[in-house]
Amino acid sequence: MDQIVQEALDELEFCMGSVDTPWGAKRAEYGHPEPFLIDHVELGNEDWFSTDYPARVAPLYTSLKAKYPDITYIFSAYNENAGYTIRIPDGNMWDSHHYEGESDGQIHSIQL
């Protein structure tokens, strides 16, 4: 996970970092010196089927939150897998999007 965490940190630095940082300088070199405003980052994608998501998301969230505390982090799984329970830290969110076939011809909604 160390390499994945570092790649995520580098990507955010590329997008949001000052031109005085290595990746912010690279963004400026590519023609966009002004940093982008990133206020939401999703951690994973469609991980509701994965049994190892909690182990993978923990170091990613901890490292990104330490460096970028003002970003809202979106978890791509919650308590949808019988193999784990995830506690979404306060101030963050959960993205539930499943691509499942229609089972009974009716539209179902989730009350939030």
PDB file of N, CA and C in Angstrom:
ATOM      1  N   MET A   1       0.810  -1.203   0.000  1.00  0.00           N
ATOM      2  CA  MET A   1       0.000   0.000   0.000  1.00  0.00           C
ATOM      3  C   MET A   1       0.853   1.266   0.000  1.00  0.00           C
ATOM      4  N   ASP A   2       2.102   1.168   0.428  1.00  0.00           N
ATOM      5  CA  ASP A   2       2.930   2.374   0.489  1.00  0.00           C
ATOM      6  C   ASP A   2       3.032   3.076  -0.863  1.00  0.00           C
ATOM      7  N   GLN A   3       3.219   2.308  -1.918  1.00  0.00           N
ATOM      8  CA  GLN A   3       3.336   2.902  -3.250  1.00  0.00           C
ATOM      9  C   GLN A   3       2.021   3.546  -3.686  1.00  0.00           C
ATOM     10  N   ILE A   4       0.906   2.905  -3.393  1.00  0.00           N
ATOM     11  CA  ILE A   4      -0.400   3.458  -3.765  1.00  0.00           C
ATOM     12  C   ILE A   4      -0.665   4.747  -2.995  1.00  0.00           C
ATOM     13  N   VAL A   5      -0.361   4.736  -1.698  1.00  0.00           N
ATOM     14  CA  VAL A   5      -0.537   5.943  -0.883  1.00  0.00           C
ATOM     15  C   VAL A   5       0.326   7.077  -1.443  1.00  0.00           C
ATOM     16  N   GLN A   6       1.577   6.788  -1.766  1.00  0.00           N
ATOM     17  CA  GLN A   6       2.457   7.829  -2.299  1.00  0.00           C
ATOM     18  C   GLN A   6       1.952   8.358  -3.637  1.00  0.00           C
ATOM     19  N   GLU A   7       1.449   7.493  -4.485  1.00  0.00           N
ATOM     20  CA  GLU A   7       0.899   7.942  -5.765  1.00  0.00           C
ATOM     21  C   GLU A   7      -0.301   8.861  -5.562  1.00  0.00           C
ATOM     22  N   ALA A   8      -1.152   8.547  -4.600  1.00  0.00           N
ATOM     23  CA  ALA A   8      -2.302   9.405  -4.311  1.00  0.00           C
ATOM     24  C   ALA A   8      -1.849  10.765  -3.780  1.00  0.00           C
ATOM     25  N   LEU A   9      -0.863  10.768  -2.886  1.00  0.00           N
ATOM     26  CA  LEU A   9      -0.327  12.031  -2.374  1.00  0.00           C
ATOM     27  C   LEU A   9       0.310  12.854  -3.499  1.00  0.00           C
ATOM     28  N   ASP A  10       1.047  12.192  -4.383  1.00  0.00           N
ATOM     29  CA  ASP A  10       1.664  12.893  -5.513  1.00  0.00           C
ATOM     30  C   ASP A  10       0.611  13.476  -6.446  1.00  0.00           C
ATOM     31  N   GLU A  11      -0.443  12.721  -6.691  1.00  0.00           N
ATOM     32  CA  GLU A  11      -1.510  13.205  -7.574  1.00  0.00           C
ATOM     33  C   GLU A  11      -2.192  14.439  -6.993  1.00  0.00           C
ATOM     34  N   LEU A  12      -2.452  14.422  -5.692  1.00  0.00           N
ATOM     35  CA  LEU A  12      -3.066  15.594  -5.075  1.00  0.00           C
ATOM     36  C   LEU A  12      -2.104  16.779  -5.074  1.00  0.00           C
ATOM     37  N   GLU A  13      -0.819  16.529  -4.869  1.00  0.00           N
ATOM     38  CA  GLU A  13       0.153  17.622  -4.949  1.00  0.00           C
ATOM     39  C   GLU A  13       0.193  18.185  -6.367  1.00  0.00           C
ATOM     40  N   PHE A  14       0.125  17.324  -7.367  1.00  0.00           N
ATOM     41  CA  PHE A  14       0.107  17.786  -8.752  1.00  0.00           C
ATOM     42  C   PHE A  14      -1.084  18.722  -8.976  1.00  0.00           C
ATOM     43  N   CYS A  15      -2.229  18.348  -8.453  1.00  0.00           N
ATOM     44  CA  CYS A  15      -3.447  19.143  -8.663  1.00  0.00           C
ATOM     45  C   CYS A  15      -3.498  20.397  -7.798  1.00  0.00           C
ATOM     46  N   MET A  16      -3.064  20.289  -6.552  1.00  0.00           N
ATOM     47  CA  MET A  16      -3.297  21.364  -5.587  1.00  0.00           C
ATOM     48  C   MET A  16      -2.036  22.052  -5.091  1.00  0.00           C
ATOM     49  N   GLY A  17      -0.878  21.503  -5.377  1.00  0.00           N
ATOM     50  CA  GLY A  17       0.355  22.006  -4.791  1.00  0.00           C
ATOM     51  C   GLY A  17       0.833  23.314  -5.384  1.00  0.00           C
ATOM     52  N   SER A  18       1.590  24.016  -4.596  1.00  0.00           N
ATOM     53  CA  SER A  18       2.242  25.246  -5.032  1.00  0.00           C
ATOM     54  C   SER A  18       3.237  24.911  -6.141  1.00  0.00           C
ATOM     55  N   VAL A  19       3.535  25.897  -6.971  1.00  0.00           N
ATOM     56  CA  VAL A  19       4.548  25.687  -8.009  1.00  0.00           C
ATOM     57  C   VAL A  19       5.931  25.494  -7.394  1.00  0.00           C
ATOM     58  N   ASP A  20       6.054  25.693  -6.091  1.00  0.00           N
ATOM     59  CA  ASP A  20       7.310  25.455  -5.385  1.00  0.00           C
ATOM     60  C   ASP A  20       7.485  23.990  -4.992  1.00  0.00           C
ATOM     61  N   THR A  21       6.460  23.163  -5.218  1.00  0.00           N
ATOM     62  CA  THR A  21       6.576  21.733  -4.934  1.00  0.00           C
ATOM     63  C   THR A  21       6.939  21.009  -6.231  1.00  0.00           C
ATOM     64  N   PRO A  22       7.526  19.832  -6.137  1.00  0.00           N
ATOM     65  CA  PRO A  22       7.897  19.125  -7.369  1.00  0.00           C
ATOM     66  C   PRO A  22       6.724  18.873  -8.310  1.00  0.00           C
ATOM     67  N   TRP A  23       5.599  18.410  -7.785  1.00  0.00           N
ATOM     68  CA  TRP A  23       4.478  18.103  -8.663  1.00  0.00           C
ATOM     69  C   TRP A  23       3.694  19.349  -9.062  1.00  0.00           C
ATOM     70  N   GLY A  24       3.622  20.331  -8.201  1.00  0.00           N
ATOM     71  CA  GLY A  24       2.996  21.606  -8.590  1.00  0.00           C
ATOM     72  C   GLY A  24       3.794  22.277  -9.691  1.00  0.00           C
ATOM     73  N   ALA A  25       5.120  22.178  -9.637  1.00  0.00           N
ATOM     74  CA  ALA A  25       5.973  22.724 -10.695  1.00  0.00           C
ATOM     75  C   ALA A  25       5.727  21.995 -12.009  1.00  0.00           C
ATOM     76  N   LYS A  26       5.507  20.684 -11.942  1.00  0.00           N
ATOM     77  CA  LYS A  26       5.228  19.906 -13.156  1.00  0.00           C
ATOM     78  C   LYS A  26       3.889  20.348 -13.766  1.00  0.00           C
ATOM     79  N   ARG A  27       2.891  20.603 -12.928  1.00  0.00           N
ATOM     80  CA  ARG A  27       1.593  21.086 -13.418  1.00  0.00           C
ATOM     81  C   ARG A  27       1.776  22.420 -14.126  1.00  0.00           C
ATOM     82  N   ALA A  28       2.565  23.319 -13.521  1.00  0.00           N
ATOM     83  CA  ALA A  28       2.835  24.628 -14.131  1.00  0.00           C
ATOM     84  C   ALA A  28       3.578  24.464 -15.448  1.00  0.00           C
ATOM     85  N   GLU A  29       4.516  23.537 -15.487  1.00  0.00           N
ATOM     86  CA  GLU A  29       5.258  23.258 -16.718  1.00  0.00           C
ATOM     87  C   GLU A  29       4.311  22.813 -17.833  1.00  0.00           C
ATOM     88  N   TYR A  30       3.252  22.111 -17.463  1.00  0.00           N
ATOM     89  CA  TYR A  30       2.267  21.647 -18.443  1.00  0.00           C
ATOM     90  C   TYR A  30       1.255  22.728 -18.806  1.00  0.00           C
ATOM     91  N   GLY A  31       1.435  23.939 -18.256  1.00  0.00           N
ATOM     92  CA  GLY A  31       0.608  25.064 -18.680  1.00  0.00           C
ATOM     93  C   GLY A  31      -0.492  25.489 -17.740  1.00  0.00           C
ATOM     94  N   HIS A  32      -0.519  24.953 -16.513  1.00  0.00           N
ATOM     95  CA  HIS A  32      -1.578  25.343 -15.571  1.00  0.00           C
ATOM     96  C   HIS A  32      -0.954  25.673 -14.214  1.00  0.00           C
ATOM     97  N   PRO A  33      -0.405  26.889 -14.081  1.00  0.00           N
ATOM     98  CA  PRO A  33       0.279  27.236 -12.831  1.00  0.00           C
ATOM     99  C   PRO A  33      -0.652  27.357 -11.616  1.00  0.00           C
ATOM    100  N   GLU A  34      -1.905  27.723 -11.843  1.00  0.00           N
ATOM    101  CA  GLU A  34      -2.826  27.871 -10.718  1.00  0.00           C
ATOM    102  C   GLU A  34      -3.267  26.507 -10.211  1.00  0.00           C
ATOM    103  N   PRO A  35      -3.252  26.295  -8.895  1.00  0.00           N
ATOM    104  CA  PRO A  35      -3.708  25.009  -8.359  1.00  0.00           C
ATOM    105  C   PRO A  35      -5.213  24.835  -8.547  1.00  0.00           C
ATOM    106  N   PHE A  36      -5.623  23.602  -8.677  1.00  0.00           N
ATOM    107  CA  PHE A  36      -7.040  23.258  -8.738  1.00  0.00           C
ATOM    108  C   PHE A  36      -7.576  23.148  -7.316  1.00  0.00           C
ATOM    109  N   LEU A  37      -8.835  23.463  -7.142  1.00  0.00           N
ATOM    110  CA  LEU A  37      -9.504  23.272  -5.851  1.00  0.00           C
ATOM    111  C   LEU A  37     -10.114  21.874  -5.858  1.00  0.00           C
ATOM    112  N   ILE A  38      -9.656  21.044  -4.986  1.00  0.00           N
ATOM    113  CA  ILE A  38     -10.220  19.704  -4.847  1.00  0.00           C
ATOM    114  C   ILE A  38     -10.774  19.608  -3.435  1.00  0.00           C
ATOM    115  N   ASP A  39     -12.084  19.394  -3.346  1.00  0.00           N
ATOM    116  CA  ASP A  39     -12.678  19.328  -2.013  1.00  0.00           C
ATOM    117  C   ASP A  39     -13.282  17.962  -1.685  1.00  0.00           C
ATOM    118  N   HIS A  40     -13.324  17.052  -2.664  1.00  0.00           N
ATOM    119  CA  HIS A  40     -13.813  15.697  -2.437  1.00  0.00           C
ATOM    120  C   HIS A  40     -12.890  14.708  -3.149  1.00  0.00           C
ATOM    121  N   VAL A  41     -12.574  13.612  -2.495  1.00  0.00           N
ATOM    122  CA  VAL A  41     -11.769  12.536  -3.079  1.00  0.00           C
ATOM    123  C   VAL A  41     -12.403  11.207  -2.681  1.00  0.00           C
ATOM    124  N   GLU A  42     -12.663  10.358  -3.677  1.00  0.00           N
ATOM    125  CA  GLU A  42     -13.191   9.024  -3.381  1.00  0.00           C
ATOM    126  C   GLU A  42     -12.036   8.047  -3.191  1.00  0.00           C
ATOM    127  N   LEU A  43     -12.156   7.234  -2.177  1.00  0.00           N
ATOM    128  CA  LEU A  43     -11.137   6.243  -1.836  1.00  0.00           C
ATOM    129  C   LEU A  43     -11.607   4.877  -2.326  1.00  0.00           C
ATOM    130  N   GLY A  44     -11.161   4.501  -3.495  1.00  0.00           N
ATOM    131  CA  GLY A  44     -11.566   3.239  -4.089  1.00  0.00           C
ATOM    132  C   GLY A  44     -12.678   3.461  -5.100  1.00  0.00           C
ATOM    133  N   ASN A  45     -13.189   2.354  -5.597  1.00  0.00           N
ATOM    134  CA  ASN A  45     -14.275   2.399  -6.573  1.00  0.00           C
ATOM    135  C   ASN A  45     -14.997   1.054  -6.556  1.00  0.00           C
ATOM    136  N   GLU A  46     -16.262   1.099  -6.206  1.00  0.00           N
ATOM    137  CA  GLU A  46     -17.108  -0.097  -6.216  1.00  0.00           C
ATOM    138  C   GLU A  46     -16.498  -1.234  -5.398  1.00  0.00           C
ATOM    139  N   ASP A  47     -16.087  -0.939  -4.195  1.00  0.00           N
ATOM    140  CA  ASP A  47     -15.423  -1.934  -3.355  1.00  0.00           C
ATOM    141  C   ASP A  47     -16.376  -2.723  -2.472  1.00  0.00           C
ATOM    142  N   TRP A  48     -17.661  -2.614  -2.701  1.00  0.00           N
ATOM    143  CA  TRP A  48     -18.630  -3.347  -1.881  1.00  0.00           C
ATOM    144  C   TRP A  48     -18.459  -4.859  -1.998  1.00  0.00           C
ATOM    145  N   PHE A  49     -17.845  -5.321  -3.082  1.00  0.00           N
ATOM    146  CA  PHE A  49     -17.642  -6.757  -3.280  1.00  0.00           C
ATOM    147  C   PHE A  49     -16.322  -7.251  -2.686  1.00  0.00           C
ATOM    148  N   SER A  50     -15.474  -6.337  -2.262  1.00  0.00           N
ATOM    149  CA  SER A  50     -14.118  -6.679  -1.839  1.00  0.00           C
ATOM    150  C   SER A  50     -14.059  -6.985  -0.349  1.00  0.00           C
ATOM    151  N   THR A  51     -13.343  -8.039   0.012  1.00  0.00           N
ATOM    152  CA  THR A  51     -13.198  -8.361   1.433  1.00  0.00           C
ATOM    153  C   THR A  51     -12.012  -7.654   2.067  1.00  0.00           C
ATOM    154  N   ASP A  52     -11.099  -7.098   1.255  1.00  0.00           N
ATOM    155  CA  ASP A  52      -9.925  -6.454   1.827  1.00  0.00           C
ATOM    156  C   ASP A  52      -9.980  -4.923   1.791  1.00  0.00           C
ATOM    157  N   TYR A  53     -11.131  -4.362   1.435  1.00  0.00           N
ATOM    158  CA  TYR A  53     -11.253  -2.903   1.373  1.00  0.00           C
ATOM    159  C   TYR A  53     -10.895  -2.227   2.701  1.00  0.00           C
ATOM    160  N   PRO A  54     -11.381  -2.695   3.847  1.00  0.00           N
ATOM    161  CA  PRO A  54     -11.023  -2.013   5.103  1.00  0.00           C
ATOM    162  C   PRO A  54      -9.506  -1.942   5.326  1.00  0.00           C
ATOM    163  N   ALA A  55      -8.793  -2.989   4.998  1.00  0.00           N
ATOM    164  CA  ALA A  55      -7.335  -2.994   5.193  1.00  0.00           C
ATOM    165  C   ALA A  55      -6.640  -2.059   4.209  1.00  0.00           C
ATOM    166  N   ARG A  56      -7.198  -1.914   3.010  1.00  0.00           N
ATOM    167  CA  ARG A  56      -6.585  -1.038   2.010  1.00  0.00           C
ATOM    168  C   ARG A  56      -6.940   0.421   2.242  1.00  0.00           C
ATOM    169  N   VAL A  57      -8.158   0.687   2.665  1.00  0.00           N
ATOM    170  CA  VAL A  57      -8.596   2.079   2.782  1.00  0.00           C
ATOM    171  C   VAL A  57      -8.025   2.763   4.026  1.00  0.00           C
ATOM    172  N   ALA A  58      -7.732   2.017   5.061  1.00  0.00           N
ATOM    173  CA  ALA A  58      -7.244   2.620   6.312  1.00  0.00           C
ATOM    174  C   ALA A  58      -5.954   3.415   6.119  1.00  0.00           C
ATOM    175  N   PRO A  59      -4.883   2.847   5.545  1.00  0.00           N
ATOM    176  CA  PRO A  59      -3.666   3.647   5.384  1.00  0.00           C
ATOM    177  C   PRO A  59      -3.829   4.776   4.368  1.00  0.00           C
ATOM    178  N   LEU A  60      -4.661   4.568   3.375  1.00  0.00           N
ATOM    179  CA  LEU A  60      -4.900   5.608   2.387  1.00  0.00           C
ATOM    180  C   LEU A  60      -5.596   6.803   3.030  1.00  0.00           C
ATOM    181  N   TYR A  61      -6.668   6.542   3.756  1.00  0.00           N
ATOM    182  CA  TYR A  61      -7.400   7.620   4.423  1.00  0.00           C
ATOM    183  C   TYR A  61      -6.511   8.340   5.439  1.00  0.00           C
ATOM    184  N   THR A  62      -5.811   7.586   6.272  1.00  0.00           N
ATOM    185  CA  THR A  62      -4.976   8.186   7.318  1.00  0.00           C
ATOM    186  C   THR A  62      -3.930   9.124   6.721  1.00  0.00           C
ATOM    187  N   SER A  63      -3.268   8.694   5.670  1.00  0.00           N
ATOM    188  CA  SER A  63      -2.212   9.509   5.056  1.00  0.00           C
ATOM    189  C   SER A  63      -2.761  10.730   4.338  1.00  0.00           C
ATOM    190  N   LEU A  64      -3.835  10.540   3.574  1.00  0.00           N
ATOM    191  CA  LEU A  64      -4.405  11.679   2.846  1.00  0.00           C
ATOM    192  C   LEU A  64      -5.012  12.696   3.804  1.00  0.00           C
ATOM    193  N   LYS A  65      -5.713  12.222   4.816  1.00  0.00           N
ATOM    194  CA  LYS A  65      -6.339  13.124   5.788  1.00  0.00           C
ATOM    195  C   LYS A  65      -5.275  13.934   6.532  1.00  0.00           C
ATOM    196  N   ALA A  66      -4.138  13.317   6.838  1.00  0.00           N
ATOM    197  CA  ALA A  66      -3.064  14.032   7.536  1.00  0.00           C
ATOM    198  C   ALA A  66      -2.509  15.162   6.676  1.00  0.00           C
ATOM    199  N   LYS A  67      -2.375  14.926   5.391  1.00  0.00           N
ATOM    200  CA  LYS A  67      -1.799  15.935   4.487  1.00  0.00           C
ATOM    201  C   LYS A  67      -2.846  16.933   3.993  1.00  0.00           C
ATOM    202  N   TYR A  68      -4.074  16.465   3.782  1.00  0.00           N
ATOM    203  CA  TYR A  68      -5.146  17.305   3.237  1.00  0.00           C
ATOM    204  C   TYR A  68      -6.392  17.177   4.117  1.00  0.00           C
ATOM    205  N   PRO A  69      -6.357  17.807   5.302  1.00  0.00           N
ATOM    206  CA  PRO A  69      -7.462  17.629   6.254  1.00  0.00           C
ATOM    207  C   PRO A  69      -8.780  18.269   5.829  1.00  0.00           C
ATOM    208  N   ASP A  70      -8.749  19.213   4.896  1.00  0.00           N
ATOM    209  CA  ASP A  70      -9.979  19.909   4.514  1.00  0.00           C
ATOM    210  C   ASP A  70     -10.759  19.209   3.407  1.00  0.00           C
ATOM    211  N   ILE A  71     -10.208  18.159   2.851  1.00  0.00           N
ATOM    212  CA  ILE A  71     -10.914  17.401   1.818  1.00  0.00           C
ATOM    213  C   ILE A  71     -11.940  16.492   2.488  1.00  0.00           C
ATOM    214  N   THR A  72     -13.112  16.355   1.868  1.00  0.00           N
ATOM    215  CA  THR A  72     -14.105  15.367   2.287  1.00  0.00           C
ATOM    216  C   THR A  72     -13.784  14.084   1.548  1.00  0.00           C
ATOM    217  N   TYR A  73     -13.620  13.007   2.280  1.00  0.00           N
ATOM    218  CA  TYR A  73     -13.276  11.725   1.682  1.00  0.00           C
ATOM    219  C   TYR A  73     -14.529  10.879   1.544  1.00  0.00           C
ATOM    220  N   ILE A  74     -14.646  10.250   0.397  1.00  0.00           N
ATOM    221  CA  ILE A  74     -15.811   9.437   0.065  1.00  0.00           C
ATOM    222  C   ILE A  74     -15.360   7.980   0.030  1.00  0.00           C
ATOM    223  N   PHE A  75     -15.955   7.173   0.860  1.00  0.00           N
ATOM    224  CA  PHE A  75     -15.627   5.756   0.924  1.00  0.00           C
ATOM    225  C   PHE A  75     -16.491   5.004  -0.086  1.00  0.00           C
ATOM    226  N   SER A  76     -15.903   4.064  -0.800  1.00  0.00           N
ATOM    227  CA  SER A  76     -16.645   3.362  -1.843  1.00  0.00           C
ATOM    228  C   SER A  76     -17.286   2.075  -1.337  1.00  0.00           C
ATOM    229  N   ALA A  77     -17.226   1.851  -0.050  1.00  0.00           N
ATOM    230  CA  ALA A  77     -17.914   0.723   0.577  1.00  0.00           C
ATOM    231  C   ALA A  77     -18.247   1.111   2.007  1.00  0.00           C
ATOM    232  N   TYR A  78     -19.232   0.420   2.548  1.00  0.00           N
ATOM    233  CA  TYR A  78     -19.644   0.671   3.923  1.00  0.00           C
ATOM    234  C   TYR A  78     -19.907  -0.698   4.535  1.00  0.00           C
ATOM    235  N   ASN A  79     -21.025  -0.905   5.135  1.00  0.00           N
ATOM    236  CA  ASN A  79     -21.325  -2.185   5.777  1.00  0.00           C
ATOM    237  C   ASN A  79     -22.154  -3.063   4.848  1.00  0.00           C
ATOM    238  N   GLU A  80     -21.661  -3.222   3.629  1.00  0.00           N
ATOM    239  CA  GLU A  80     -22.392  -3.984   2.618  1.00  0.00           C
ATOM    240  C   GLU A  80     -21.878  -5.402   2.465  1.00  0.00           C
ATOM    241  N   ASN A  81     -20.778  -5.711   3.078  1.00  0.00           N
ATOM    242  CA  ASN A  81     -20.131  -7.001   2.905  1.00  0.00           C
ATOM    243  C   ASN A  81     -20.178  -7.720   4.248  1.00  0.00           C
ATOM    244  N   ALA A  82     -20.621  -8.946   4.230  1.00  0.00           N
ATOM    245  CA  ALA A  82     -20.741  -9.705   5.487  1.00  0.00           C
ATOM    246  C   ALA A  82     -19.393  -9.894   6.183  1.00  0.00           C
ATOM    247  N   GLY A  83     -18.306  -9.691   5.449  1.00  0.00           N
ATOM    248  CA  GLY A  83     -16.984  -9.916   6.009  1.00  0.00           C
ATOM    249  C   GLY A  83     -16.392  -8.748   6.768  1.00  0.00           C
ATOM    250  N   TYR A  84     -17.059  -7.605   6.799  1.00  0.00           N
ATOM    251  CA  TYR A  84     -16.488  -6.462   7.506  1.00  0.00           C
ATOM    252  C   TYR A  84     -17.536  -5.413   7.868  1.00  0.00           C
ATOM    253  N   THR A  85     -17.122  -4.550   8.784  1.00  0.00           N
ATOM    254  CA  THR A  85     -17.885  -3.363   9.161  1.00  0.00           C
ATOM    255  C   THR A  85     -16.927  -2.184   9.061  1.00  0.00           C
ATOM    256  N   ILE A  86     -17.347  -1.137   8.409  1.00  0.00           N
ATOM    257  CA  ILE A  86     -16.514   0.056   8.262  1.00  0.00           C
ATOM    258  C   ILE A  86     -17.203   1.214   8.968  1.00  0.00           C
ATOM    259  N   ARG A  87     -16.452   1.946   9.758  1.00  0.00           N
ATOM    260  CA  ARG A  87     -16.961   3.173  10.367  1.00  0.00           C
ATOM    261  C   ARG A  87     -16.450   4.337   9.518  1.00  0.00           C
ATOM    262  N   ILE A  88     -17.376   5.059   8.917  1.00  0.00           N
ATOM    263  CA  ILE A  88     -17.008   6.227   8.117  1.00  0.00           C
ATOM    264  C   ILE A  88     -16.699   7.363   9.092  1.00  0.00           C
ATOM    265  N   PRO A  89     -15.491   7.917   9.070  1.00  0.00           N
ATOM    266  CA  PRO A  89     -15.174   9.013   9.989  1.00  0.00           C
ATOM    267  C   PRO A  89     -16.119  10.207   9.790  1.00  0.00           C
ATOM    268  N   ASP A  90     -16.458  10.866  10.877  1.00  0.00           N
ATOM    269  CA  ASP A  90     -17.345  12.024  10.822  1.00  0.00           C
ATOM    270  C   ASP A  90     -16.866  13.024   9.776  1.00  0.00           C
ATOM    271  N   GLY A  91     -17.804  13.622   9.059  1.00  0.00           N
ATOM    272  CA  GLY A  91     -17.480  14.635   8.064  1.00  0.00           C
ATOM    273  C   GLY A  91     -17.160  14.074   6.700  1.00  0.00           C
ATOM    274  N   ASN A  92     -17.215  12.753   6.551  1.00  0.00           N
ATOM    275  CA  ASN A  92     -16.940  12.110   5.275  1.00  0.00           C
ATOM    276  C   ASN A  92     -18.212  11.428   4.793  1.00  0.00           C
ATOM    277  N   MET A  93     -18.154  10.760   3.655  1.00  0.00           N
ATOM    278  CA  MET A  93     -19.359  10.161   3.098  1.00  0.00           C
ATOM    279  C   MET A  93     -19.086   8.816   2.458  1.00  0.00           C
ATOM    280  N   TRP A  94     -20.175   8.201   2.041  1.00  0.00           N
ATOM    281  CA  TRP A  94     -20.157   6.882   1.443  1.00  0.00           C
ATOM    282  C   TRP A  94     -20.841   6.961   0.092  1.00  0.00           C
ATOM    283  N   ASP A  95     -20.229   6.395  -0.924  1.00  0.00           N
ATOM    284  CA  ASP A  95     -20.766   6.383  -2.277  1.00  0.00           C
ATOM    285  C   ASP A  95     -21.266   4.979  -2.582  1.00  0.00           C
ATOM    286  N   SER A  96     -22.556   4.828  -2.620  1.00  0.00           N
ATOM    287  CA  SER A  96     -23.132   3.528  -2.942  1.00  0.00           C
ATOM    288  C   SER A  96     -23.641   3.567  -4.376  1.00  0.00           C
ATOM    289  N   HIS A  97     -22.975   2.864  -5.242  1.00  0.00           N
ATOM    290  CA  HIS A  97     -23.506   2.713  -6.599  1.00  0.00           C
ATOM    291  C   HIS A  97     -23.206   1.307  -7.086  1.00  0.00           C
ATOM    292  N   HIS A  98     -24.276   0.568  -7.248  1.00  0.00           N
ATOM    293  CA  HIS A  98     -24.180  -0.831  -7.642  1.00  0.00           C
ATOM    294  C   HIS A  98     -24.781  -0.978  -9.034  1.00  0.00           C
ATOM    295  N   TYR A  99     -24.212  -1.867  -9.787  1.00  0.00           N
ATOM    296  CA  TYR A  99     -24.737  -2.159 -11.108  1.00  0.00           C
ATOM    297  C   TYR A  99     -25.351  -3.552 -11.045  1.00  0.00           C
ATOM    298  N   GLU A 100     -26.571  -3.579 -10.563  1.00  0.00           N
ATOM    299  CA  GLU A 100     -27.258  -4.845 -10.384  1.00  0.00           C
ATOM    300  C   GLU A 100     -28.518  -4.843 -11.237  1.00  0.00           C
ATOM    301  N   GLY A 101     -28.894  -6.000 -11.681  1.00  0.00           N
ATOM    302  CA  GLY A 101     -30.089  -6.113 -12.505  1.00  0.00           C
ATOM    303  C   GLY A 101     -31.357  -5.861 -11.714  1.00  0.00           C
ATOM    304  N   GLU A 102     -32.363  -5.445 -12.426  1.00  0.00           N
ATOM    305  CA  GLU A 102     -33.672  -5.221 -11.823  1.00  0.00           C
ATOM    306  C   GLU A 102     -34.259  -6.571 -11.456  1.00  0.00           C
ATOM    307  N   SER A 103     -34.756  -6.698 -10.233  1.00  0.00           N
ATOM    308  CA  SER A 103     -35.216  -8.008  -9.790  1.00  0.00           C
ATOM    309  C   SER A 103     -36.726  -8.172  -9.819  1.00  0.00           C
ATOM    310  N   ASP A 104     -37.475  -7.122  -9.535  1.00  0.00           N
ATOM    311  CA  ASP A 104     -38.917  -7.292  -9.442  1.00  0.00           C
ATOM    312  C   ASP A 104     -39.700  -6.268 -10.259  1.00  0.00           C
ATOM    313  N   GLY A 105     -39.028  -5.505 -11.093  1.00  0.00           N
ATOM    314  CA  GLY A 105     -39.723  -4.552 -11.941  1.00  0.00           C
ATOM    315  C   GLY A 105     -40.117  -3.269 -11.235  1.00  0.00           C
ATOM    316  N   GLN A 106     -39.783  -3.114  -9.978  1.00  0.00           N
ATOM    317  CA  GLN A 106     -40.145  -1.920  -9.236  1.00  0.00           C
ATOM    318  C   GLN A 106     -38.889  -1.093  -8.967  1.00  0.00           C
ATOM    319  N   ILE A 107     -39.076   0.197  -8.838  1.00  0.00           N
ATOM    320  CA  ILE A 107     -37.983   1.100  -8.498  1.00  0.00           C
ATOM    321  C   ILE A 107     -37.919   1.214  -6.990  1.00  0.00           C
ATOM    322  N   HIS A 108     -36.728   1.039  -6.450  1.00  0.00           N
ATOM    323  CA  HIS A 108     -36.537   1.121  -5.008  1.00  0.00           C
ATOM    324  C   HIS A 108     -35.676   2.332  -4.696  1.00  0.00           C
ATOM    325  N   SER A 109     -35.942   2.960  -3.581  1.00  0.00           N
ATOM    326  CA  SER A 109     -35.138   4.113  -3.191  1.00  0.00           C
ATOM    327  C   SER A 109     -34.618   3.905  -1.780  1.00  0.00           C
ATOM    328  N   ILE A 110     -33.607   4.665  -1.455  1.00  0.00           N
ATOM    329  CA  ILE A 110     -33.003   4.626  -0.138  1.00  0.00           C
ATOM    330  C   ILE A 110     -33.326   5.941   0.563  1.00  0.00           C
ATOM    331  N   GLN A 111     -33.839   5.872   1.759  1.00  0.00           N
ATOM    332  CA  GLN A 111     -34.103   7.068   2.548  1.00  0.00           C
ATOM    333  C   GLN A 111     -32.850   7.446   3.306  1.00  0.00           C
ATOM    334  N   LEU A 112     -32.392   8.666   3.128  1.00  0.00           N
ATOM    335  CA  LEU A 112     -31.203   9.132   3.849  1.00  0.00           C
ATOM    336  C   LEU A 112     -31.595  10.040   4.985  1.00  0.00           C
TER     337      LEU A 112
END
